[in-house]
Amino acid sequence: MSRTKRNETLLSYAHKMRRQPTEAEKRLWRHLSGAKLGGHKFRRQAIVGPYIADFFCPQKNLTVEIDGDTHIADVDAKRDKILLNQGIAVVRVTNEDVLTNMDGVLEYLRVKLEGCVDRWPHPNPSPEGEGL
């Protein structure tokens, strides 16, 4: 399959997935949308490399995956390794954690986000206006 055809297929599939989120995806998205988690913007069902991530924070190059019935541990591990080799961090949480321990999931994500380097660092201007 050509790269263009693969991208079209991924885009189509991601669009379909956005329209039919799982309950866990809906609940987590409520906490990630609108930069609610520490001011970090996330995309839902984003194409990251050759994959579709449940959530992706482009500034931190971090994907968040909710593992449910369709996830296969060894396949996910291979995928995560490929993304990690491309400099993309992967965080995995379970459906059960999202549905029963949202506070714990959000704290886990905050810690992971803090540990990631910004892809697009912004100069920090001094009080005198230098560094702009």
N, C-alpha and C. Protein backbone atom coordinates (compact mmCIF):
# COMPACT_ATOMS: atom_id res chain seq x y z
N MET A 1 0.84 -1.17 0.00
CA MET A 1 0.00 0.00 0.00
C MET A 1 0.89 1.24 0.00
N SER A 2 0.57 2.19 -0.85
CA SER A 2 1.37 3.41 -0.93
C SER A 2 1.18 4.24 0.34
N ARG A 3 2.15 5.10 0.59
CA ARG A 3 2.10 5.95 1.78
C ARG A 3 0.85 6.84 1.75
N THR A 4 0.52 7.40 0.58
CA THR A 4 -0.65 8.26 0.45
C THR A 4 -1.93 7.48 0.76
N LYS A 5 -2.04 6.29 0.21
CA LYS A 5 -3.22 5.46 0.45
C LYS A 5 -3.33 5.08 1.92
N ARG A 6 -2.17 4.74 2.54
CA ARG A 6 -2.18 4.39 3.96
C ARG A 6 -2.63 5.58 4.80
N ASN A 7 -2.13 6.79 4.46
CA ASN A 7 -2.53 7.99 5.20
C ASN A 7 -4.02 8.26 5.05
N GLU A 8 -4.55 8.10 3.85
CA GLU A 8 -5.98 8.29 3.62
C GLU A 8 -6.79 7.29 4.44
N THR A 9 -6.33 6.05 4.48
CA THR A 9 -7.01 5.02 5.25
C THR A 9 -6.98 5.35 6.74
N LEU A 10 -5.81 5.77 7.23
CA LEU A 10 -5.69 6.16 8.64
C LEU A 10 -6.59 7.34 8.97
N LEU A 11 -6.61 8.35 8.11
CA LEU A 11 -7.47 9.52 8.33
C LEU A 11 -8.94 9.13 8.40
N SER A 12 -9.34 8.27 7.50
CA SER A 12 -10.73 7.81 7.47
C SER A 12 -11.08 7.04 8.73
N TYR A 13 -10.20 6.15 9.13
CA TYR A 13 -10.43 5.34 10.32
C TYR A 13 -10.44 6.21 11.58
N ALA A 14 -9.51 7.17 11.66
CA ALA A 14 -9.46 8.06 12.83
C ALA A 14 -10.74 8.89 12.92
N HIS A 15 -11.24 9.36 11.80
CA HIS A 15 -12.49 10.13 11.78
C HIS A 15 -13.64 9.28 12.32
N LYS A 16 -13.71 8.05 11.88
CA LYS A 16 -14.76 7.13 12.33
C LYS A 16 -14.64 6.89 13.84
N MET A 17 -13.40 6.71 14.32
CA MET A 17 -13.18 6.46 15.74
C MET A 17 -13.56 7.68 16.59
N ARG A 18 -13.35 8.88 16.07
CA ARG A 18 -13.72 10.10 16.80
C ARG A 18 -15.22 10.18 17.01
N ARG A 19 -15.97 9.65 16.06
CA ARG A 19 -17.44 9.70 16.15
C ARG A 19 -18.00 8.60 17.05
N GLN A 20 -17.19 7.59 17.37
CA GLN A 20 -17.67 6.47 18.18
C GLN A 20 -16.71 6.18 19.34
N PRO A 21 -16.48 7.16 20.21
CA PRO A 21 -15.53 6.93 21.31
C PRO A 21 -16.11 5.96 22.35
N THR A 22 -15.21 5.27 23.03
CA THR A 22 -15.62 4.42 24.14
C THR A 22 -15.98 5.32 25.32
N GLU A 23 -16.63 4.74 26.31
CA GLU A 23 -16.98 5.52 27.50
C GLU A 23 -15.71 6.05 28.20
N ALA A 24 -14.68 5.22 28.26
CA ALA A 24 -13.43 5.67 28.88
C ALA A 24 -12.82 6.83 28.10
N GLU A 25 -12.85 6.76 26.77
CA GLU A 25 -12.31 7.86 25.95
C GLU A 25 -13.11 9.14 26.18
N LYS A 26 -14.42 9.04 26.26
CA LYS A 26 -15.26 10.22 26.50
C LYS A 26 -14.89 10.86 27.83
N ARG A 27 -14.77 10.03 28.85
CA ARG A 27 -14.48 10.58 30.18
C ARG A 27 -13.11 11.23 30.26
N LEU A 28 -12.10 10.58 29.69
CA LEU A 28 -10.76 11.18 29.74
C LEU A 28 -10.70 12.44 28.89
N TRP A 29 -11.36 12.44 27.74
CA TRP A 29 -11.35 13.61 26.87
C TRP A 29 -11.92 14.84 27.58
N ARG A 30 -12.91 14.64 28.45
CA ARG A 30 -13.46 15.77 29.21
C ARG A 30 -12.39 16.48 30.04
N HIS A 31 -11.37 15.73 30.45
CA HIS A 31 -10.30 16.29 31.27
C HIS A 31 -9.11 16.79 30.44
N LEU A 32 -9.02 16.35 29.19
CA LEU A 32 -7.89 16.74 28.34
C LEU A 32 -8.24 17.85 27.35
N SER A 33 -9.50 17.90 26.93
CA SER A 33 -9.89 18.88 25.91
C SER A 33 -9.76 20.30 26.45
N GLY A 34 -9.56 21.22 25.57
CA GLY A 34 -9.47 22.63 25.96
C GLY A 34 -8.28 22.94 26.84
N ALA A 35 -7.22 22.16 26.73
CA ALA A 35 -5.98 22.37 27.50
C ALA A 35 -6.24 22.40 29.00
N LYS A 36 -7.17 21.57 29.47
CA LYS A 36 -7.54 21.56 30.89
C LYS A 36 -6.48 20.93 31.77
N LEU A 37 -5.64 20.08 31.22
CA LEU A 37 -4.62 19.41 32.02
C LEU A 37 -3.30 20.18 31.93
N GLY A 38 -3.10 21.09 32.85
CA GLY A 38 -1.86 21.85 32.92
C GLY A 38 -1.58 22.73 31.73
N GLY A 39 -2.62 23.10 31.00
CA GLY A 39 -2.45 23.96 29.83
C GLY A 39 -1.95 23.24 28.59
N HIS A 40 -1.86 21.92 28.65
CA HIS A 40 -1.37 21.14 27.51
C HIS A 40 -2.52 20.79 26.57
N LYS A 41 -2.31 21.04 25.30
CA LYS A 41 -3.32 20.73 24.30
C LYS A 41 -3.15 19.29 23.82
N PHE A 42 -4.26 18.61 23.66
CA PHE A 42 -4.28 17.24 23.18
C PHE A 42 -5.15 17.14 21.94
N ARG A 43 -4.81 16.19 21.10
CA ARG A 43 -5.65 15.82 19.95
C ARG A 43 -6.22 14.45 20.24
N ARG A 44 -7.43 14.23 19.79
CA ARG A 44 -8.12 12.96 19.99
C ARG A 44 -8.05 12.14 18.71
N GLN A 45 -7.75 10.84 18.83
CA GLN A 45 -7.64 9.94 17.68
C GLN A 45 -6.73 10.56 16.63
N ALA A 46 -5.54 10.89 17.07
CA ALA A 46 -4.56 11.57 16.21
C ALA A 46 -3.65 10.55 15.53
N ILE A 47 -3.29 10.84 14.30
CA ILE A 47 -2.34 9.99 13.59
C ILE A 47 -0.94 10.39 14.04
N VAL A 48 -0.24 9.41 14.60
CA VAL A 48 1.11 9.61 15.11
C VAL A 48 1.97 8.54 14.46
N GLY A 49 2.85 8.99 13.56
CA GLY A 49 3.62 8.01 12.79
C GLY A 49 2.64 7.16 11.97
N PRO A 50 2.84 5.85 11.98
CA PRO A 50 1.92 4.99 11.22
C PRO A 50 0.75 4.47 12.05
N TYR A 51 0.46 5.13 13.17
CA TYR A 51 -0.58 4.64 14.08
C TYR A 51 -1.60 5.73 14.39
N ILE A 52 -2.70 5.32 15.01
CA ILE A 52 -3.69 6.24 15.53
C ILE A 52 -3.62 6.15 17.04
N ALA A 53 -3.33 7.28 17.68
CA ALA A 53 -3.25 7.33 19.14
C ALA A 53 -4.59 7.78 19.69
N ASP A 54 -4.97 7.25 20.84
CA ASP A 54 -6.20 7.71 21.48
C ASP A 54 -6.13 9.21 21.73
N PHE A 55 -5.00 9.65 22.30
CA PHE A 55 -4.77 11.07 22.56
C PHE A 55 -3.31 11.39 22.30
N PHE A 56 -3.05 12.60 21.82
CA PHE A 56 -1.68 13.00 21.52
C PHE A 56 -1.48 14.45 21.92
N CYS A 57 -0.41 14.69 22.68
CA CYS A 57 0.00 16.05 23.05
C CYS A 57 1.19 16.40 22.17
N PRO A 58 0.98 17.19 21.10
CA PRO A 58 2.08 17.48 20.18
C PRO A 58 3.23 18.25 20.81
N GLN A 59 2.95 19.16 21.73
CA GLN A 59 4.03 19.96 22.32
C GLN A 59 5.00 19.08 23.11
N LYS A 60 4.49 18.05 23.75
CA LYS A 60 5.33 17.17 24.56
C LYS A 60 5.67 15.86 23.84
N ASN A 61 5.14 15.67 22.64
CA ASN A 61 5.39 14.44 21.87
C ASN A 61 5.02 13.21 22.71
N LEU A 62 3.82 13.25 23.29
CA LEU A 62 3.35 12.22 24.20
C LEU A 62 2.01 11.67 23.73
N THR A 63 1.93 10.36 23.60
CA THR A 63 0.65 9.73 23.28
C THR A 63 0.09 9.10 24.54
N VAL A 64 -1.23 9.07 24.63
CA VAL A 64 -1.93 8.41 25.73
C VAL A 64 -2.84 7.36 25.12
N GLU A 65 -2.66 6.14 25.56
CA GLU A 65 -3.47 5.02 25.08
C GLU A 65 -4.29 4.46 26.22
N ILE A 66 -5.56 4.22 25.95
CA ILE A 66 -6.44 3.55 26.91
C ILE A 66 -6.56 2.11 26.45
N ASP A 67 -6.01 1.20 27.25
CA ASP A 67 -6.04 -0.21 26.89
C ASP A 67 -7.35 -0.85 27.32
N GLY A 68 -8.01 -1.41 26.33
CA GLY A 68 -9.27 -2.10 26.59
C GLY A 68 -9.24 -3.48 25.97
N ASP A 69 -10.39 -3.96 25.58
CA ASP A 69 -10.53 -5.30 25.03
C ASP A 69 -9.78 -5.53 23.72
N THR A 70 -9.56 -4.48 22.96
CA THR A 70 -8.94 -4.64 21.63
C THR A 70 -7.42 -4.59 21.67
N HIS A 71 -6.84 -4.37 22.82
CA HIS A 71 -5.38 -4.24 22.90
C HIS A 71 -4.73 -5.59 23.18
N ILE A 72 -3.63 -5.83 22.48
CA ILE A 72 -2.85 -7.05 22.63
C ILE A 72 -1.46 -6.61 23.12
N ALA A 73 -1.08 -7.06 24.31
CA ALA A 73 0.11 -6.55 24.99
C ALA A 73 1.38 -6.62 24.14
N ASP A 74 1.66 -7.75 23.48
CA ASP A 74 2.92 -7.84 22.73
C ASP A 74 2.90 -6.96 21.48
N VAL A 75 1.75 -6.81 20.85
CA VAL A 75 1.62 -5.92 19.69
C VAL A 75 1.79 -4.47 20.14
N ASP A 76 1.16 -4.12 21.26
CA ASP A 76 1.29 -2.76 21.79
C ASP A 76 2.73 -2.45 22.17
N ALA A 77 3.43 -3.41 22.75
CA ALA A 77 4.83 -3.21 23.14
C ALA A 77 5.70 -2.92 21.92
N LYS A 78 5.47 -3.62 20.83
CA LYS A 78 6.24 -3.38 19.59
C LYS A 78 5.94 -1.98 19.05
N ARG A 79 4.68 -1.62 19.06
CA ARG A 79 4.27 -0.30 18.58
C ARG A 79 4.89 0.79 19.44
N ASP A 80 4.84 0.60 20.76
CA ASP A 80 5.40 1.59 21.68
C ASP A 80 6.89 1.76 21.45
N LYS A 81 7.59 0.67 21.18
CA LYS A 81 9.03 0.73 20.95
C LYS A 81 9.34 1.52 19.68
N ILE A 82 8.55 1.31 18.63
CA ILE A 82 8.73 2.05 17.37
C ILE A 82 8.54 3.55 17.63
N LEU A 83 7.48 3.91 18.35
CA LEU A 83 7.23 5.32 18.64
C LEU A 83 8.33 5.90 19.52
N LEU A 84 8.76 5.15 20.52
CA LEU A 84 9.83 5.62 21.39
C LEU A 84 11.11 5.87 20.61
N ASN A 85 11.41 5.01 19.65
CA ASN A 85 12.60 5.20 18.80
C ASN A 85 12.48 6.46 17.94
N GLN A 86 11.25 6.93 17.73
CA GLN A 86 11.02 8.17 16.98
C GLN A 86 10.92 9.38 17.92
N GLY A 87 11.17 9.15 19.21
CA GLY A 87 11.13 10.25 20.18
C GLY A 87 9.75 10.56 20.71
N ILE A 88 8.82 9.63 20.54
CA ILE A 88 7.44 9.84 20.99
C ILE A 88 7.20 8.95 22.21
N ALA A 89 6.88 9.58 23.33
CA ALA A 89 6.61 8.83 24.56
C ALA A 89 5.19 8.28 24.52
N VAL A 90 5.00 7.13 25.15
CA VAL A 90 3.69 6.49 25.19
C VAL A 90 3.31 6.23 26.65
N VAL A 91 2.12 6.65 27.01
CA VAL A 91 1.56 6.38 28.33
C VAL A 91 0.35 5.49 28.11
N ARG A 92 0.28 4.40 28.88
CA ARG A 92 -0.85 3.49 28.79
C ARG A 92 -1.58 3.43 30.12
N VAL A 93 -2.88 3.55 30.03
CA VAL A 93 -3.76 3.37 31.19
C VAL A 93 -4.85 2.38 30.77
N THR A 94 -5.53 1.82 31.73
CA THR A 94 -6.58 0.85 31.40
C THR A 94 -7.96 1.51 31.43
N ASN A 95 -8.89 0.87 30.75
CA ASN A 95 -10.28 1.32 30.82
C ASN A 95 -10.73 1.41 32.26
N GLU A 96 -10.42 0.37 33.04
CA GLU A 96 -10.85 0.32 34.44
C GLU A 96 -10.30 1.50 35.23
N ASP A 97 -9.02 1.83 35.02
CA ASP A 97 -8.44 2.97 35.73
C ASP A 97 -9.17 4.27 35.38
N VAL A 98 -9.44 4.47 34.11
CA VAL A 98 -10.12 5.69 33.69
C VAL A 98 -11.53 5.75 34.28
N LEU A 99 -12.21 4.62 34.30
CA LEU A 99 -13.59 4.60 34.77
C LEU A 99 -13.71 4.64 36.30
N THR A 100 -12.67 4.18 37.02
CA THR A 100 -12.80 4.09 38.48
C THR A 100 -11.80 4.94 39.25
N ASN A 101 -10.74 5.43 38.59
CA ASN A 101 -9.70 6.17 39.31
C ASN A 101 -9.19 7.33 38.46
N MET A 102 -10.09 8.19 38.03
CA MET A 102 -9.72 9.30 37.16
C MET A 102 -8.68 10.21 37.80
N ASP A 103 -8.81 10.48 39.10
CA ASP A 103 -7.84 11.34 39.76
C ASP A 103 -6.44 10.76 39.66
N GLY A 104 -6.31 9.45 39.85
CA GLY A 104 -5.02 8.79 39.74
C GLY A 104 -4.47 8.86 38.33
N VAL A 105 -5.33 8.66 37.34
CA VAL A 105 -4.92 8.73 35.93
C VAL A 105 -4.44 10.13 35.61
N LEU A 106 -5.15 11.15 36.04
CA LEU A 106 -4.76 12.53 35.74
C LEU A 106 -3.45 12.90 36.41
N GLU A 107 -3.24 12.44 37.63
CA GLU A 107 -1.97 12.71 38.32
C GLU A 107 -0.83 12.01 37.60
N TYR A 108 -1.04 10.78 37.18
CA TYR A 108 -0.04 10.02 36.41
C TYR A 108 0.32 10.77 35.13
N LEU A 109 -0.68 11.29 34.43
CA LEU A 109 -0.43 12.05 33.20
C LEU A 109 0.31 13.36 33.49
N ARG A 110 -0.04 14.03 34.57
CA ARG A 110 0.67 15.28 34.93
C ARG A 110 2.16 15.01 35.13
N VAL A 111 2.47 13.95 35.86
CA VAL A 111 3.86 13.60 36.12
C VAL A 111 4.58 13.27 34.82
N LYS A 112 3.94 12.49 33.95
CA LYS A 112 4.56 12.14 32.67
C LYS A 112 4.78 13.37 31.80
N LEU A 113 3.80 14.27 31.76
CA LEU A 113 3.94 15.50 30.97
C LEU A 113 5.09 16.36 31.48
N GLU A 114 5.23 16.45 32.80
CA GLU A 114 6.32 17.24 33.38
C GLU A 114 7.68 16.65 33.00
N GLY A 115 7.74 15.34 32.81
CA GLY A 115 9.00 14.68 32.47
C GLY A 115 9.37 14.75 31.01
N CYS A 116 8.48 15.23 30.18
CA CYS A 116 8.74 15.33 28.74
C CYS A 116 9.26 16.73 28.39
N VAL A 117 10.21 16.77 27.50
CA VAL A 117 10.77 18.04 27.03
C VAL A 117 9.82 18.65 26.00
N ASP A 118 9.68 19.97 26.04
CA ASP A 118 8.87 20.65 25.03
C ASP A 118 9.51 20.49 23.65
N ARG A 119 8.70 20.18 22.65
CA ARG A 119 9.19 20.09 21.28
C ARG A 119 9.52 21.46 20.73
N TRP A 120 8.78 22.46 21.15
CA TRP A 120 8.95 23.83 20.66
C TRP A 120 9.18 24.74 21.84
N PRO A 121 10.41 24.75 22.36
CA PRO A 121 10.65 25.61 23.52
C PRO A 121 10.47 27.08 23.16
N HIS A 122 9.89 27.80 24.08
CA HIS A 122 9.66 29.22 23.89
C HIS A 122 10.65 30.00 24.73
N PRO A 123 11.20 31.08 24.20
CA PRO A 123 12.12 31.88 25.02
C PRO A 123 11.37 32.43 26.23
N ASN A 124 12.05 32.47 27.34
CA ASN A 124 11.46 33.01 28.55
C ASN A 124 11.97 34.44 28.73
N PRO A 125 11.16 35.43 28.36
CA PRO A 125 11.65 36.81 28.41
C PRO A 125 11.95 37.24 29.84
N SER A 126 12.99 38.06 29.96
CA SER A 126 13.34 38.60 31.27
C SER A 126 12.39 39.75 31.59
N PRO A 127 12.36 40.15 32.86
CA PRO A 127 11.49 41.27 33.23
C PRO A 127 11.83 42.56 32.49
N GLU A 128 13.10 42.69 32.02
CA GLU A 128 13.49 43.91 31.30
C GLU A 128 13.09 43.85 29.83
N GLY A 129 12.49 42.75 29.40
CA GLY A 129 12.05 42.65 28.01
C GLY A 129 13.07 42.01 27.11
N GLU A 130 14.20 41.57 27.64
CA GLU A 130 15.21 40.90 26.81
C GLU A 130 14.77 39.48 26.52
N GLY A 131 15.27 38.93 25.47
CA GLY A 131 14.97 37.55 25.12
C GLY A 131 13.69 37.36 24.35
N LEU A 132 13.11 38.46 23.89
CA LEU A 132 11.89 38.36 23.10
C LEU A 132 12.17 38.01 21.68
